[in-house]
Protein backbone atom coordinates (compact mmCIF):
# COMPACT_ATOMS: atom_id res chain seq x y z
CA UNK A 1 97.72 72.24 95.71
CA UNK A 2 100.25 69.41 95.62
CA UNK A 3 103.72 70.76 96.33
CA UNK A 4 106.92 69.39 94.87
CA UNK A 5 110.05 70.31 92.92
CA UNK A 6 108.13 70.91 89.67
CA UNK A 7 105.16 72.94 90.98
CA UNK A 8 106.06 76.02 88.93
CA UNK A 9 106.18 74.08 85.65
CA UNK A 10 103.02 72.21 86.53
CA UNK A 11 103.20 68.65 85.20
CA UNK A 12 101.04 66.03 86.90
CA UNK A 13 102.76 63.51 89.26
CA UNK A 14 103.45 61.13 86.38
CA UNK A 15 105.40 63.88 84.58
CA UNK A 16 102.80 64.36 81.86
CA UNK A 17 100.48 67.23 81.00
CA UNK A 18 96.70 67.11 80.66
CA UNK A 19 96.23 70.54 79.12
CA UNK A 20 97.57 71.65 75.73
CA UNK A 21 97.44 74.60 73.39
CA UNK A 22 95.58 74.35 70.08
CA UNK A 23 98.84 73.55 68.34
CA UNK A 24 99.71 70.78 70.80
CA UNK A 25 102.13 72.46 73.21
CA UNK A 26 102.00 71.34 76.85
CA UNK A 27 100.37 73.73 79.33
CA UNK A 28 101.55 73.52 82.94
CA UNK A 29 99.13 73.79 85.87
CA UNK A 30 100.75 75.76 88.68
CA UNK A 31 100.72 73.69 91.89
CA UNK A 32 99.09 70.96 89.76
CA UNK A 33 95.82 72.93 89.64
CA UNK A 34 95.65 75.75 87.11
CA UNK A 35 92.97 77.83 88.83
CA UNK A 36 91.79 80.37 86.27
CA UNK A 37 89.77 78.04 84.08
CA UNK A 38 86.18 76.82 84.25
CA UNK A 39 87.14 73.18 83.81
CA UNK A 40 90.38 71.35 84.46
CA UNK A 41 91.84 67.89 84.94
CA UNK A 42 93.71 67.30 88.19
CA UNK A 43 95.26 64.38 90.01
CA UNK A 44 93.11 62.67 92.64
CA UNK A 45 95.48 64.05 95.31
CA UNK A 46 94.17 67.53 94.43
CA UNK A 47 90.51 66.60 94.89
CA UNK A 48 88.45 67.11 98.03
CA UNK A 49 84.72 66.36 98.02
CA UNK A 50 82.57 69.05 99.66
CA UNK A 51 78.90 69.66 100.39
CA UNK A 52 77.22 70.73 97.15
CA UNK A 53 75.16 73.28 99.07
CA UNK A 54 78.27 75.39 99.76
CA UNK A 55 78.56 78.17 97.12
CA UNK A 56 81.75 77.80 95.10
CA UNK A 57 82.75 81.43 95.66
CA UNK A 58 82.83 80.60 99.37
CA UNK A 59 84.35 77.14 99.07
CA UNK A 60 87.25 78.45 96.97
CA UNK A 61 88.47 80.49 99.95
CA UNK A 62 89.00 77.38 102.04
CA UNK A 63 91.23 75.81 99.41
CA UNK A 64 94.20 77.87 100.57
CA UNK A 65 93.99 81.03 102.66
CA UNK A 66 91.56 79.88 105.32
CA UNK A 67 93.26 76.54 105.90
CA UNK A 68 96.71 78.16 105.81
CA UNK A 69 95.85 80.83 108.36
CA UNK A 70 93.49 79.00 110.69
CA UNK A 71 95.72 75.91 110.67
CA UNK A 72 98.85 77.93 111.48
CA UNK A 73 97.17 79.21 114.63
CA UNK A 74 95.41 76.04 115.73
CA UNK A 75 97.51 73.18 114.36
CA UNK A 76 101.06 74.49 114.07
CA UNK A 77 101.34 76.99 116.92
CA UNK A 78 98.79 75.30 119.16
CA UNK A 79 97.63 78.59 120.70
CA UNK A 80 96.38 78.03 124.24
CA UNK A 81 93.36 79.78 125.82
CA UNK A 82 94.13 83.15 127.41
CA UNK A 83 97.28 83.70 125.34
CA UNK A 84 98.42 86.88 123.60
CA UNK A 85 98.87 86.81 119.83
CA UNK A 86 100.43 89.12 117.23
CA UNK A 87 99.55 88.78 113.53
CA UNK A 88 101.72 90.76 111.11
CA UNK A 89 99.80 91.12 107.86
CA UNK A 90 96.00 91.34 108.00
CA UNK A 91 95.21 89.99 104.55
CA UNK A 92 93.67 86.70 103.46
CA UNK A 93 96.09 84.61 105.53
CA UNK A 94 96.45 86.89 108.54
CA UNK A 95 92.70 87.38 108.93
CA UNK A 96 92.28 83.64 109.23
CA UNK A 97 95.11 83.40 111.74
CA UNK A 98 93.02 85.84 113.75
CA UNK A 99 89.97 83.60 113.32
CA UNK A 100 92.00 80.62 114.48
CA UNK A 101 93.18 82.53 117.56
CA UNK A 102 89.58 83.49 118.34
CA UNK A 103 88.45 79.87 118.03
CA UNK A 104 90.85 78.78 120.79
CA UNK A 105 90.01 81.73 123.06
CA UNK A 106 93.16 83.85 122.86
CA UNK A 107 92.75 86.85 125.19
CA UNK A 108 94.70 89.49 123.22
CA UNK A 109 94.94 89.44 119.43
CA UNK A 110 97.00 92.24 117.88
CA UNK A 111 96.72 92.80 114.12
CA UNK A 112 99.49 94.77 112.39
CA UNK A 113 99.35 96.11 108.85
CA UNK A 114 100.11 99.27 106.87
CA UNK A 115 96.55 99.72 105.58
CA UNK A 116 93.96 101.23 107.94
CA UNK A 117 91.07 99.57 106.12
CA UNK A 118 92.54 96.10 106.65
CA UNK A 119 93.03 96.87 110.34
CA UNK A 120 89.39 97.94 110.59
CA UNK A 121 88.33 94.67 108.96
CA UNK A 122 90.58 92.71 111.32
CA UNK A 123 88.59 93.92 114.33
CA UNK A 124 85.40 92.50 112.82
CA UNK A 125 87.12 89.10 112.74
CA UNK A 126 88.27 89.24 116.35
CA UNK A 127 91.38 91.42 116.67
CA UNK A 128 91.37 93.22 120.01
CA UNK A 129 94.12 95.73 119.13
CA UNK A 130 95.59 97.08 115.88
CA UNK A 131 98.89 98.66 114.87
CA UNK A 132 99.51 100.61 111.67
CA UNK A 133 103.15 99.81 110.95
CA UNK A 134 103.58 102.95 108.81
CA UNK A 135 102.61 105.13 111.78
CA UNK A 136 103.92 103.28 114.82
CA UNK A 137 106.96 101.22 115.78
CA UNK A 138 105.57 97.71 115.84
CA UNK A 139 107.83 96.19 118.49
CA UNK A 140 107.59 99.21 120.81
CA UNK A 141 103.81 99.26 120.57
CA UNK A 142 103.52 95.52 121.26
CA UNK A 143 105.68 95.96 124.34
CA UNK A 144 103.44 98.79 125.53
CA UNK A 145 100.36 96.60 125.13
CA UNK A 146 101.93 93.65 126.95
CA UNK A 147 103.65 95.46 129.84
CA UNK A 148 107.07 94.99 128.19
CA UNK A 149 106.69 91.23 128.13
CA UNK A 150 105.90 90.53 124.47
CA UNK A 151 103.29 88.22 123.02
CA UNK A 152 103.08 84.47 123.54
CA UNK A 153 102.65 83.82 119.81
CA UNK A 154 103.67 85.94 116.81
CA UNK A 155 102.73 85.16 113.20
CA UNK A 156 104.38 86.64 110.12
CA UNK A 157 102.08 86.58 107.09
CA UNK A 158 103.83 89.07 104.80
CA UNK A 159 106.97 87.20 103.63
CA UNK A 160 109.79 89.61 104.40
CA UNK A 161 112.93 88.86 106.47
CA UNK A 162 112.61 92.18 108.32
CA UNK A 163 109.03 91.47 109.41
CA UNK A 164 110.05 87.99 110.57
CA UNK A 165 112.67 89.69 112.73
CA UNK A 166 110.01 92.07 114.09
CA UNK A 167 107.81 89.12 115.00
CA UNK A 168 110.74 87.55 116.83
CA UNK A 169 111.57 90.75 118.73
CA UNK A 170 107.92 91.24 119.74
CA UNK A 171 107.64 87.74 121.22
CA UNK A 172 108.04 86.98 124.91
CA UNK A 173 110.63 84.61 126.34
CA UNK A 174 109.70 80.99 125.59
CA UNK A 175 107.24 82.30 122.98
CA UNK A 176 106.60 80.93 119.51
CA UNK A 177 107.19 82.69 116.19
CA UNK A 178 105.38 81.17 113.21
CA UNK A 179 106.39 82.17 109.67
CA UNK A 180 103.49 81.65 107.27
CA UNK A 181 104.38 83.92 104.34
CA UNK A 182 106.38 82.46 101.45
CA UNK A 183 109.41 84.71 100.99
CA UNK A 184 110.89 85.08 97.48
CA UNK A 185 113.69 82.58 96.90
CA UNK A 186 116.42 85.24 96.70
CA UNK A 187 116.06 85.91 100.43
CA UNK A 188 118.38 83.43 102.13
CA UNK A 189 118.73 84.74 105.69
CA UNK A 190 116.78 86.26 108.58
CA UNK A 191 118.24 89.10 110.71
CA UNK A 192 117.86 87.33 114.06
CA UNK A 193 120.59 87.12 116.68
CA UNK A 194 121.57 83.48 117.35
CA UNK A 195 122.62 84.50 120.88
CA UNK A 196 119.23 86.09 121.52
CA UNK A 197 117.54 82.94 120.21
CA UNK A 198 119.33 80.90 122.87
CA UNK A 199 118.97 83.36 125.74
CA UNK A 200 115.24 83.91 125.20
CA UNK A 201 114.53 80.25 124.37
CA UNK A 202 112.02 81.25 121.70
CA UNK A 203 110.78 78.80 119.08
CA UNK A 204 110.99 79.84 115.41
CA UNK A 205 108.95 77.66 113.06
CA UNK A 206 107.40 77.60 109.62
CA UNK A 207 103.88 76.59 108.68
CA UNK A 208 102.96 75.28 105.25
CA UNK A 209 99.25 75.02 104.43
CA UNK A 210 98.39 75.31 108.10
CA UNK A 211 100.16 72.02 108.84
CA UNK A 212 96.89 70.47 107.70
CA UNK A 213 95.52 67.48 105.86
CA UNK A 214 93.31 69.13 103.25
CA UNK A 215 90.83 66.28 103.06
CA UNK A 216 90.21 66.58 106.80
CA UNK A 217 90.56 70.34 107.28
CA UNK A 218 88.50 71.59 104.33
CA UNK A 219 85.28 69.69 105.20
CA UNK A 220 85.80 70.57 108.88
CA UNK A 221 86.11 74.31 108.21
CA UNK A 222 83.11 74.27 105.88
CA UNK A 223 81.14 72.50 108.61
CA UNK A 224 82.22 75.21 111.05
CA UNK A 225 81.09 77.81 108.50
CA UNK A 226 77.62 76.26 108.27
CA UNK A 227 77.39 76.36 112.08
CA UNK A 228 78.45 80.01 112.20
CA UNK A 229 81.75 79.19 113.94
CA UNK A 230 83.98 80.75 111.27
CA UNK A 231 83.36 83.67 108.91
CA UNK A 232 83.81 83.10 105.17
CA UNK A 233 81.30 85.35 103.36
CA UNK A 234 82.83 88.36 105.12
CA UNK A 235 86.27 87.56 103.67
CA UNK A 236 85.06 88.38 100.15
CA UNK A 237 85.55 92.12 99.77
CA UNK A 238 85.28 92.24 95.96
CA UNK A 239 84.36 89.98 93.05
CA UNK A 240 85.75 90.18 89.52
CA UNK A 241 85.03 88.75 86.09
CA UNK A 242 87.91 86.94 84.44
CA UNK A 243 88.74 89.93 82.21
CA UNK A 244 89.03 92.07 85.38
CA UNK A 245 91.64 89.82 86.95
CA UNK A 246 94.49 92.32 86.59
CA UNK A 247 92.40 94.87 88.49
CA UNK A 248 91.93 92.22 91.17
CA UNK A 249 95.68 91.86 91.59
CA UNK A 250 96.12 95.64 91.65
CA UNK A 251 93.48 95.92 94.37
CA UNK A 252 95.17 93.16 96.36
CA UNK A 253 98.51 94.97 96.30
CA UNK A 254 96.81 98.25 97.20
CA UNK A 255 95.27 96.72 100.34
CA UNK A 256 91.70 97.00 99.06
CA UNK A 257 90.84 93.32 99.56
CA UNK A 258 90.92 90.66 102.18
CA UNK A 259 90.01 88.32 99.35
CA UNK A 260 88.91 89.07 95.81
CA UNK A 261 87.10 86.26 94.01
CA UNK A 262 86.90 85.66 90.26
CA UNK A 263 83.37 84.65 89.20
CA UNK A 264 82.96 83.10 85.76
């Protein structure tokens, strides 16, 4: 997706529209794509050529969630071998943060979520410990697991100010906190103590699209997939027809999916 000030309205970079209703009204393509159609016209900036042997239901995952999660861990945070990692939110983004942490040999990877099923799945992708945030105090449990030190890297993949603050509190001195989730625009502050920020010398950063160049990262991740170095098939927990798309969104919100894929 090509991001800019008009992504919600969806005109192409020249300001025009390529899709129209039968009576001639312009149809916007969110993020310049418009994903729920069999055919579409996009700007060349939105195109990445891939190996034709890769099934589209697998390739579609890499277009956003895999790059965004894996890249946040590897590119943005720069996790070092032997480090401890916390991932808050074990969905489509968080699971791939876990995969990124595994790829650079993190020693402890803690997945936190409110759904037990997602925590079970997270272990199959490399999480070494799990925390159900509805049943345990996240920060206290992280401190128990790390001998009251905190983790070296904490990732927030839910998009809530309070969970960003939890990630900060669960991070060790000189640690890094990476915010990956896109919070709704009406949230305009984070409950973090400025004094604590200075005294602990932590780094708070954001990561958009895994701080990645899509034309480099997408073919690379698909190559890793073919070599068995990253899991993609296992991310697909359900498939839906187009007329089942509302059920897909309901299942996503209910924690029943890592990723649901629409198959035409």
